[in-house]
Amino acid sequence: MQLRYHKGRSPQITFTSDFHELVQGDLDFKYGPRSCTLRYDPLRLVEDQDAQQDEHHVLAHVRFHPSGSSWEGVMTLPPKAPLAQLANAAGQGIMLETEFTIPVGTEELEVWFSCTHADGHTHWDSASGKNHWLRFPLRDIEINQAKIKKKKKAAQDTLVFEIASPTKVDAIEARWRATNSPNANRQITPLTCDDTAENTKIWKVPSAGIPIAKNSTIAFDLVYHIGDRKFTDDNQGRWYLAD
């Protein structure tokens, strides 16, 4: 299995122009509060023609859970910024950037943005009023096992998972596909909570494992649910490979 990318790195959150939210880095409080870089594509709130005429101030709002404490910061877009010419959905165009500190004990971030335009109207980026809820998979998820078991005398091999999570996680699915079979569709397999220890749940597939074709190479990511919100651990966008 691949190493987990960005393990130990400082947290970074990127809001892209195609309305994706990329959570990177590791929320490890071993040495106290963590500095987090916030990157924001202004095209989410400012149209290119407006950017040509006026300076815009994007106000970032962050609430830390479970404490409920909050932070606000202003990111300024200067006038005549060439947003359209440098537009990039992967967060490589013109990006507003700031930093804030995540207090020790934070588990989840609630984030939204606002920008008051020259006509006096305030525009919001708040997931239609629900706000953006973000967690750090490197803090939430431990991959104890993701392994292909070879079956010499069987027609198929089997794929097994063992995943550890906080007890507040309600469900986990493994999304996997055989990369050496171009026509194979991605499969989604719900994992079952096999054990609950202090502050930890253990999730597995049925004891027989998931049947897969011989000599498969399996790439996967994980989707986990807490209440009505879901979060993805896709190895910082690179997927994982089963052993």
Protein backbone atom coordinates (compact mmCIF):
# COMPACT_ATOMS: atom_id res chain seq x y z
CA MET A 1 0.00 0.00 0.00
CA GLN A 2 1.19 3.51 -0.73
CA LEU A 3 2.44 5.72 2.04
CA ARG A 4 -0.12 8.27 3.19
CA TYR A 5 0.73 11.52 1.49
CA HIS A 6 1.20 14.69 3.57
CA LYS A 7 1.47 12.75 6.84
CA GLY A 8 2.96 15.18 9.35
CA ARG A 9 2.64 18.21 7.06
CA SER A 10 0.92 21.42 8.08
CA PRO A 11 -2.81 21.65 7.27
CA GLN A 12 -3.93 23.35 4.08
CA ILE A 13 -7.45 23.89 2.71
CA THR A 14 -8.09 24.90 -0.91
CA PHE A 15 -11.42 26.08 -2.35
CA THR A 16 -11.29 25.71 -6.15
CA SER A 17 -13.27 27.55 -8.82
CA ASP A 18 -15.17 24.36 -9.76
CA PHE A 19 -16.52 24.25 -6.20
CA HIS A 20 -14.38 21.51 -4.74
CA GLU A 21 -12.84 21.71 -1.29
CA LEU A 22 -9.41 20.09 -0.96
CA VAL A 23 -8.27 19.19 2.56
CA GLN A 24 -4.56 18.46 2.80
CA GLY A 25 -2.04 17.94 5.55
CA ASP A 26 -2.23 16.48 9.02
CA LEU A 27 -4.16 17.85 12.00
CA ASP A 28 -1.74 16.57 14.65
CA PHE A 29 -1.77 18.51 17.93
CA LYS A 30 1.31 16.82 19.38
CA TYR A 31 3.11 20.16 19.53
CA GLY A 32 0.11 22.37 20.20
CA PRO A 33 -2.20 24.44 17.94
CA ARG A 34 -1.67 24.09 14.18
CA SER A 35 -1.24 26.83 11.61
CA CYS A 36 -3.47 26.22 8.57
CA THR A 37 -3.10 27.77 5.12
CA LEU A 38 -6.39 28.78 3.50
CA ARG A 39 -6.39 29.14 -0.31
CA TYR A 40 -9.46 30.50 -2.09
CA ASP A 41 -10.27 30.99 -5.77
CA PRO A 42 -12.09 34.35 -6.01
CA LEU A 43 -14.08 33.17 -9.06
CA ARG A 44 -16.35 31.40 -6.56
CA LEU A 45 -17.66 34.83 -5.49
CA VAL A 46 -16.42 37.42 -8.00
CA GLU A 47 -17.16 37.44 -11.74
CA ASP A 48 -14.32 38.40 -14.05
CA GLN A 49 -16.01 41.58 -15.32
CA ASP A 50 -16.51 42.79 -11.73
CA ALA A 51 -12.89 42.06 -10.89
CA GLN A 52 -11.76 44.33 -13.71
CA GLN A 53 -13.46 47.35 -12.15
CA ASP A 54 -13.25 47.15 -8.37
CA GLU A 55 -11.19 45.88 -5.48
CA HIS A 56 -12.95 43.06 -3.62
CA HIS A 57 -12.60 41.90 -0.05
CA VAL A 58 -13.50 38.27 0.61
CA LEU A 59 -14.26 37.60 4.26
CA ALA A 60 -13.45 34.07 5.44
CA HIS A 61 -15.38 32.70 8.41
CA VAL A 62 -14.18 29.60 10.27
CA ARG A 63 -15.88 27.98 13.25
CA PHE A 64 -14.04 25.26 15.18
CA HIS A 65 -15.93 22.25 16.49
CA PRO A 66 -16.64 21.03 19.09
CA SER A 67 -15.48 24.17 20.97
CA GLY A 68 -17.57 26.61 18.91
CA SER A 69 -14.81 29.23 18.86
CA SER A 70 -14.31 31.08 15.58
CA TRP A 71 -11.95 33.09 13.40
CA GLU A 72 -12.48 35.65 10.64
CA GLY A 73 -10.01 36.98 8.12
CA VAL A 74 -10.06 39.26 5.07
CA MET A 75 -8.50 38.32 1.73
CA THR A 76 -8.20 41.18 -0.78
CA LEU A 77 -8.48 40.86 -4.55
CA PRO A 78 -6.94 43.93 -6.21
CA PRO A 79 -8.72 45.56 -9.18
CA LYS A 80 -7.91 44.44 -12.73
CA ALA A 81 -6.88 40.96 -11.61
CA PRO A 82 -6.90 38.74 -14.76
CA LEU A 83 -9.17 36.06 -13.31
CA ALA A 84 -10.44 34.69 -16.62
CA GLN A 85 -7.01 34.49 -18.25
CA LEU A 86 -5.53 32.59 -15.30
CA ALA A 87 -8.59 30.54 -14.35
CA ASN A 88 -7.62 27.05 -13.19
CA ALA A 89 -10.03 24.56 -11.62
CA ALA A 90 -7.17 22.77 -9.85
CA GLY A 91 -6.34 25.79 -7.72
CA GLN A 92 -3.32 26.90 -9.78
CA GLY A 93 -4.73 30.22 -11.00
CA ILE A 94 -5.11 33.44 -9.01
CA MET A 95 -5.68 32.31 -5.43
CA LEU A 96 -6.34 34.43 -2.37
CA GLU A 97 -4.38 33.12 0.59
CA THR A 98 -4.26 33.60 4.34
CA GLU A 99 -3.40 31.63 7.47
CA PHE A 100 -5.24 30.91 10.70
CA THR A 101 -4.58 28.82 13.79
CA ILE A 102 -6.56 25.67 14.57
CA PRO A 103 -7.01 25.30 18.35
CA VAL A 104 -6.01 22.08 20.09
CA GLY A 105 -8.90 19.63 20.28
CA THR A 106 -10.57 20.75 17.06
CA GLU A 107 -12.19 17.88 15.18
CA GLU A 108 -14.12 19.66 12.47
CA LEU A 109 -14.11 23.01 10.68
CA GLU A 110 -17.22 24.87 9.57
CA VAL A 111 -16.24 27.35 6.84
CA TRP A 112 -18.07 29.93 4.74
CA PHE A 113 -17.21 33.10 2.81
CA SER A 114 -18.83 36.44 2.01
CA CYS A 115 -18.06 39.36 -0.28
CA THR A 116 -19.89 42.69 -0.44
CA HIS A 117 -19.84 44.09 -3.97
CA ALA A 118 -19.81 47.72 -5.11
CA ASP A 119 -23.60 47.69 -5.52
CA GLY A 120 -23.97 46.95 -1.80
CA HIS A 121 -25.11 43.35 -2.25
CA THR A 122 -23.35 40.66 -0.22
CA HIS A 123 -22.65 37.39 -2.00
CA TRP A 124 -22.18 34.18 0.00
CA ASP A 125 -20.26 30.96 -0.55
CA SER A 126 -21.88 28.74 2.06
CA ALA A 127 -23.00 25.50 0.36
CA SER A 128 -26.51 26.94 -0.02
CA GLY A 129 -26.62 28.04 3.61
CA LYS A 130 -25.36 24.76 5.08
CA ASN A 131 -21.71 25.93 5.21
CA HIS A 132 -18.70 23.79 4.31
CA TRP A 133 -17.88 21.15 6.93
CA LEU A 134 -14.33 19.83 6.73
CA ARG A 135 -12.37 17.14 8.54
CA PHE A 136 -8.82 15.85 8.18
CA PRO A 137 -8.77 12.16 7.14
CA LEU A 138 -5.19 11.73 8.36
CA ARG A 139 -6.55 12.40 11.85
CA ASP A 140 -9.78 10.40 11.48
CA ILE A 141 -8.77 7.29 9.57
CA GLU A 142 -6.13 4.61 10.14
CA ILE A 143 -5.70 1.93 7.48
CA ASN A 144 -4.66 -1.12 9.46
CA GLN A 145 -4.97 -3.44 6.49
CA ALA A 146 -5.81 -3.24 2.79
CA LYS A 147 -4.57 -6.47 1.32
CA ILE A 148 -5.10 -8.86 -1.57
CA LYS A 149 -5.03 -12.44 -0.34
CA LYS A 150 -3.78 -14.85 -2.96
CA LYS A 151 -5.75 -18.09 -3.26
CA LYS A 152 -3.59 -20.65 -5.06
CA LYS A 153 -6.31 -23.28 -5.40
CA ALA A 154 -9.24 -20.92 -5.99
CA ALA A 155 -10.49 -19.25 -9.14
CA GLN A 156 -10.33 -15.81 -7.50
CA ASP A 157 -8.29 -13.88 -4.97
CA THR A 158 -9.88 -11.88 -2.15
CA LEU A 159 -9.59 -8.26 -1.02
CA VAL A 160 -9.75 -7.46 2.69
CA PHE A 161 -9.84 -4.20 4.64
CA GLU A 162 -9.41 -3.26 8.29
CA ILE A 163 -9.98 0.42 9.05
CA ALA A 164 -9.90 2.25 12.39
CA SER A 165 -11.97 5.39 12.97
CA PRO A 166 -13.31 7.55 15.81
CA THR A 167 -16.45 6.14 17.42
CA LYS A 168 -18.55 9.00 16.03
CA VAL A 169 -18.12 7.65 12.48
CA ASP A 170 -21.43 6.02 11.51
CA ALA A 171 -20.48 4.25 8.27
CA ILE A 172 -17.54 3.65 5.92
CA GLU A 173 -17.48 2.49 2.31
CA ALA A 174 -14.46 1.36 0.31
CA ARG A 175 -14.55 2.50 -3.32
CA TRP A 176 -12.23 0.31 -5.34
CA ARG A 177 -11.36 -0.74 -8.88
CA ALA A 178 -8.93 -3.02 -10.67
CA THR A 179 -6.48 -0.69 -12.41
CA ASN A 180 -5.17 -3.44 -14.69
CA SER A 181 -8.68 -4.02 -16.10
CA PRO A 182 -9.50 -0.83 -18.06
CA ASN A 183 -13.14 -1.77 -18.58
CA ALA A 184 -13.79 -2.65 -14.94
CA ASN A 185 -16.21 -0.35 -13.13
CA ARG A 186 -15.49 1.13 -9.74
CA GLN A 187 -17.12 -0.89 -6.97
CA ILE A 188 -18.47 0.36 -3.64
CA THR A 189 -18.34 -2.01 -0.67
CA PRO A 190 -19.82 -0.99 2.71
CA LEU A 191 -17.60 -1.99 5.63
CA THR A 192 -19.01 -3.47 8.83
CA CYS A 193 -18.15 -2.28 12.32
CA ASP A 194 -16.44 -5.34 13.75
CA ASP A 195 -15.40 -3.98 17.14
CA THR A 196 -15.64 -0.85 19.28
CA ALA A 197 -12.86 -0.08 21.73
CA GLU A 198 -12.20 3.08 23.71
CA ASN A 199 -12.67 6.00 21.27
CA THR A 200 -12.15 3.69 18.26
CA LYS A 201 -14.26 1.63 15.87
CA ILE A 202 -12.79 -1.15 13.73
CA TRP A 203 -14.33 -1.67 10.28
CA LYS A 204 -13.90 -4.76 8.11
CA VAL A 205 -15.34 -6.61 5.14
CA PRO A 206 -17.06 -9.99 5.73
CA SER A 207 -14.60 -12.65 6.87
CA ALA A 208 -14.55 -14.31 3.44
CA GLY A 209 -13.28 -11.08 1.86
CA ILE A 210 -14.27 -9.47 -1.44
CA PRO A 211 -13.81 -11.78 -4.45
CA ILE A 212 -11.58 -10.25 -7.14
CA ALA A 213 -9.96 -11.50 -10.33
CA LYS A 214 -6.58 -13.19 -10.10
CA ASN A 215 -3.54 -10.90 -10.27
CA SER A 216 -5.58 -7.71 -9.84
CA THR A 217 -4.03 -4.40 -8.86
CA ILE A 218 -6.55 -2.61 -6.66
CA ALA A 219 -6.74 1.16 -6.15
CA PHE A 220 -9.16 2.46 -3.54
CA ASP A 221 -10.33 5.34 -1.43
CA LEU A 222 -12.65 5.57 1.57
CA VAL A 223 -15.84 7.52 2.20
CA TYR A 224 -16.89 7.93 5.83
CA HIS A 225 -20.09 9.33 7.29
CA ILE A 226 -20.72 11.29 10.48
CA GLY A 227 -24.40 12.11 10.84
CA ASP A 228 -25.68 13.43 7.51
CA ARG A 229 -22.23 14.58 6.32
CA LYS A 230 -19.74 12.53 4.37
CA PHE A 231 -15.99 12.90 4.02
CA THR A 232 -13.49 11.31 1.64
CA ASP A 233 -10.04 9.89 2.32
CA ASP A 234 -8.48 9.59 -1.14
CA ASN A 235 -4.84 9.89 -0.07
CA GLN A 236 -4.70 13.60 -0.90
CA GLY A 237 -6.17 12.94 -4.35
CA ARG A 238 -3.81 10.08 -5.21
CA TRP A 239 -5.83 7.03 -4.09
CA TYR A 240 -4.33 4.06 -2.24
CA LEU A 241 -3.03 0.74 -3.56
CA ALA A 242 -3.89 -2.49 -1.76
CA ASP A 243 -0.92 -4.65 -0.76
